[in-house]
Amino acid sequence: MRGFLGSIGLTAAGAAAGAFSAYLAIQGAGVEATSTGSPWLSRAAALQGSSGFYVRLHYLLEGRLPPAQGQIAEATAETDGEGGPLNSGCRYRLASTGPLPRWWSIAAEGVGSDPLSRQTVADSDMVVREADGTVRLVASLGPQPGNWLKLPDARRFTLLYSAIPASGQRVSTAPPFSITREGC
């Protein structure tokens, strides 16, 4: 009887170790920097590569469908422009650094936080542009003047950028936004 229970325990431990290693492979598969020195990361290029199966599983585990290749760009950031982790106790300035696509959005998602509210998402339809056409957002827990992106109550959070290009243009996975920590 002891041998039988021991083999069941070993089988369960092996299954748990296999599930954990699969989870780690899914979460780490295909993550690439969108450009050198940028805090933005993307899985878009890996959707068509050899790790495409794991990348699709990553989206499905988050309860989302993978973005359509060539139709929508998506990138995430978990650090600011200097490499520090994004923390909801701090205030950040997101500024456009180049031409913006026809439609874009930036959402602040906390781990284990409530679903996104209207304040945790800023998009091209709701922001006020500067006189020169640039966009500046302030991301913080408390309200700020101008374009404000409310951060989730969770201590650590991720910024999610999505964009749809103008017709005839290629989708760029590199978000045209810098992330600067202004204070904590």
Protein backbone atom coordinates (compact mmCIF):
# COMPACT_ATOMS: atom_id res chain seq x y z
CA MET A 1 0.00 0.00 0.00
CA ARG A 2 2.88 2.35 0.82
CA GLY A 3 4.39 1.79 -2.61
CA PHE A 4 1.10 2.59 -4.28
CA LEU A 5 0.64 5.82 -2.30
CA GLY A 6 4.26 6.75 -2.94
CA SER A 7 3.85 6.31 -6.70
CA ILE A 8 0.66 8.43 -6.64
CA GLY A 9 2.55 11.13 -4.71
CA LEU A 10 5.43 11.07 -7.20
CA THR A 11 3.01 11.22 -10.13
CA ALA A 12 1.20 14.20 -8.57
CA ALA A 13 4.52 15.97 -7.88
CA GLY A 14 5.64 15.33 -11.47
CA ALA A 15 2.35 16.66 -12.84
CA ALA A 16 2.63 19.79 -10.66
CA ALA A 17 6.24 20.38 -11.76
CA GLY A 18 5.23 19.89 -15.40
CA ALA A 19 2.32 22.34 -15.08
CA PHE A 20 4.57 24.92 -13.41
CA SER A 21 7.27 24.60 -16.08
CA ALA A 22 4.61 24.91 -18.81
CA TYR A 23 3.27 28.07 -17.13
CA LEU A 24 6.78 29.57 -17.03
CA ALA A 25 7.32 28.71 -20.71
CA ILE A 26 3.98 30.29 -21.64
CA GLN A 27 4.68 33.51 -19.71
CA GLY A 28 8.20 33.93 -21.07
CA ALA A 29 7.66 32.85 -24.66
CA GLY A 30 8.24 35.37 -27.41
CA VAL A 31 8.69 38.47 -25.25
CA GLU A 32 10.94 40.93 -27.10
CA ALA A 33 11.83 44.59 -26.59
CA THR A 34 10.11 46.75 -29.21
CA SER A 35 13.28 48.84 -29.61
CA THR A 36 16.64 49.24 -27.90
CA GLY A 37 16.35 51.06 -24.57
CA SER A 38 12.54 51.02 -24.61
CA PRO A 39 10.51 49.72 -21.65
CA TRP A 40 7.86 48.41 -24.05
CA LEU A 41 7.77 44.65 -24.74
CA SER A 42 5.83 42.81 -27.43
CA ARG A 43 4.95 39.26 -28.39
CA ALA A 44 3.72 40.21 -31.89
CA ALA A 45 6.74 38.89 -33.83
CA ALA A 46 6.62 35.58 -31.96
CA LEU A 47 3.03 34.84 -32.97
CA GLN A 48 4.28 33.56 -36.34
CA GLY A 49 7.49 31.99 -35.03
CA SER A 50 8.27 28.65 -33.46
CA SER A 51 6.98 29.81 -30.06
CA GLY A 52 3.62 30.93 -31.51
CA PHE A 53 1.76 28.11 -29.74
CA TYR A 54 2.99 29.32 -26.33
CA VAL A 55 2.32 32.97 -27.18
CA ARG A 56 -1.30 32.17 -28.07
CA LEU A 57 -1.64 30.25 -24.81
CA HIS A 58 -0.37 33.33 -22.93
CA TYR A 59 -3.26 35.41 -24.28
CA LEU A 60 -5.79 32.65 -23.62
CA LEU A 61 -4.62 32.28 -19.99
CA GLU A 62 -5.28 36.02 -19.57
CA GLY A 63 -8.80 35.51 -20.92
CA ARG A 64 -8.10 37.34 -24.20
CA LEU A 65 -7.78 36.33 -27.82
CA PRO A 66 -4.37 36.88 -29.45
CA PRO A 67 -4.18 40.08 -31.51
CA ALA A 68 -4.75 39.65 -35.23
CA GLN A 69 -1.40 39.60 -37.02
CA GLY A 70 -0.91 42.80 -39.00
CA GLN A 71 -4.22 44.33 -37.90
CA ILE A 72 -3.48 45.46 -34.36
CA ALA A 73 -0.29 46.27 -32.49
CA GLU A 74 0.06 45.46 -28.82
CA ALA A 75 2.85 46.01 -26.31
CA THR A 76 3.22 46.02 -22.54
CA ALA A 77 5.49 47.85 -20.11
CA GLU A 78 6.27 46.80 -16.55
CA THR A 79 9.12 49.30 -16.09
CA ASP A 80 9.64 53.00 -16.70
CA GLY A 81 12.16 54.48 -19.14
CA GLU A 82 14.99 54.06 -16.62
CA GLY A 83 14.20 50.41 -15.90
CA GLY A 84 12.47 50.90 -12.54
CA PRO A 85 9.34 48.81 -11.89
CA LEU A 86 5.99 50.56 -12.36
CA ASN A 87 4.54 51.24 -8.91
CA SER A 88 1.10 52.75 -8.26
CA GLY A 89 2.55 54.82 -5.41
CA CYS A 90 4.43 56.90 -8.00
CA ARG A 91 3.38 59.40 -10.68
CA TYR A 92 4.40 58.88 -14.32
CA ARG A 93 4.35 61.05 -17.43
CA LEU A 94 3.67 59.32 -20.73
CA ALA A 95 4.53 61.50 -23.71
CA SER A 96 4.18 60.76 -27.40
CA THR A 97 7.56 60.56 -29.10
CA GLY A 98 6.50 60.33 -32.72
CA PRO A 99 3.55 60.11 -35.06
CA LEU A 100 0.53 58.43 -33.52
CA PRO A 101 -1.55 55.79 -35.30
CA ARG A 102 -5.17 56.38 -36.29
CA TRP A 103 -6.45 54.75 -33.09
CA TRP A 104 -4.51 53.80 -29.96
CA SER A 105 -5.18 53.11 -26.29
CA ILE A 106 -3.15 52.76 -23.12
CA ALA A 107 -4.55 50.86 -20.14
CA ALA A 108 -3.16 50.44 -16.63
CA GLU A 109 -3.74 46.90 -15.34
CA GLY A 110 -2.96 45.80 -11.81
CA VAL A 111 -2.43 42.20 -10.82
CA GLY A 112 -5.55 41.02 -9.02
CA SER A 113 -7.26 44.42 -9.27
CA ASP A 114 -10.80 45.22 -10.30
CA PRO A 115 -11.71 45.17 -14.00
CA LEU A 116 -10.67 48.21 -16.00
CA SER A 117 -12.72 51.32 -15.37
CA ARG A 118 -13.03 54.27 -17.74
CA GLN A 119 -10.27 56.15 -15.90
CA THR A 120 -7.73 53.32 -16.23
CA VAL A 121 -7.86 53.56 -20.03
CA ALA A 122 -6.86 56.52 -22.22
CA ASP A 123 -7.30 56.42 -25.97
CA SER A 124 -7.06 58.57 -29.06
CA ASP A 125 -10.76 59.45 -28.87
CA MET A 126 -10.66 60.95 -25.38
CA VAL A 127 -7.30 62.70 -24.94
CA VAL A 128 -6.63 66.37 -25.52
CA ARG A 129 -3.62 66.95 -27.76
CA GLU A 130 -1.09 69.71 -27.23
CA ALA A 131 -0.86 72.56 -29.77
CA ASP A 132 2.01 70.77 -31.54
CA GLY A 133 -0.04 67.54 -31.86
CA THR A 134 1.75 65.59 -29.13
CA VAL A 135 -0.06 63.79 -26.34
CA ARG A 136 0.94 63.91 -22.69
CA LEU A 137 -0.67 61.72 -20.04
CA VAL A 138 -0.14 61.73 -16.29
CA ALA A 139 -0.59 58.31 -14.68
CA SER A 140 -1.26 58.39 -10.93
CA LEU A 141 -3.65 57.17 -8.24
CA GLY A 142 -5.11 60.63 -7.65
CA PRO A 143 -6.71 62.96 -10.23
CA GLN A 144 -4.34 65.20 -12.17
CA PRO A 145 -4.99 68.17 -14.47
CA GLY A 146 -4.91 67.42 -18.18
CA ASN A 147 -4.97 63.91 -19.56
CA TRP A 148 -5.10 61.62 -16.52
CA LEU A 149 -4.69 57.85 -16.48
CA LYS A 150 -5.85 56.42 -13.14
CA LEU A 151 -3.57 53.74 -11.79
CA PRO A 152 -5.06 50.60 -10.23
CA ASP A 153 -4.96 50.07 -6.47
CA ALA A 154 -2.55 47.15 -6.88
CA ARG A 155 1.04 48.07 -5.96
CA ARG A 156 2.58 46.79 -9.22
CA PHE A 157 0.89 47.37 -12.54
CA THR A 158 1.41 46.93 -16.26
CA LEU A 159 0.72 49.39 -19.06
CA LEU A 160 -0.97 47.84 -22.09
CA TYR A 161 -0.71 49.68 -25.42
CA SER A 162 -2.94 48.76 -28.37
CA ALA A 163 -3.10 50.46 -31.77
CA ILE A 164 -4.77 50.17 -35.15
CA PRO A 165 -2.90 51.74 -38.06
CA ALA A 166 -4.38 53.95 -40.74
CA SER A 167 -5.38 52.04 -43.85
CA GLY A 168 -2.42 51.11 -45.99
CA GLN A 169 0.09 51.57 -43.15
CA ARG A 170 2.07 48.82 -41.46
CA VAL A 171 1.44 48.12 -37.78
CA SER A 172 4.40 49.15 -35.65
CA THR A 173 4.81 47.20 -32.42
CA ALA A 174 6.90 50.00 -30.90
CA PRO A 175 4.57 52.33 -28.97
CA PRO A 176 5.32 56.00 -29.65
CA PHE A 177 5.22 56.82 -25.91
CA SER A 178 7.98 57.38 -23.38
CA ILE A 179 7.41 56.57 -19.69
CA THR A 180 9.04 58.90 -17.16
CA ARG A 181 8.73 58.59 -13.38
CA GLU A 182 8.02 62.03 -11.92
CA GLY A 183 7.98 61.19 -8.24
CA CYS A 184 6.82 58.80 -5.57
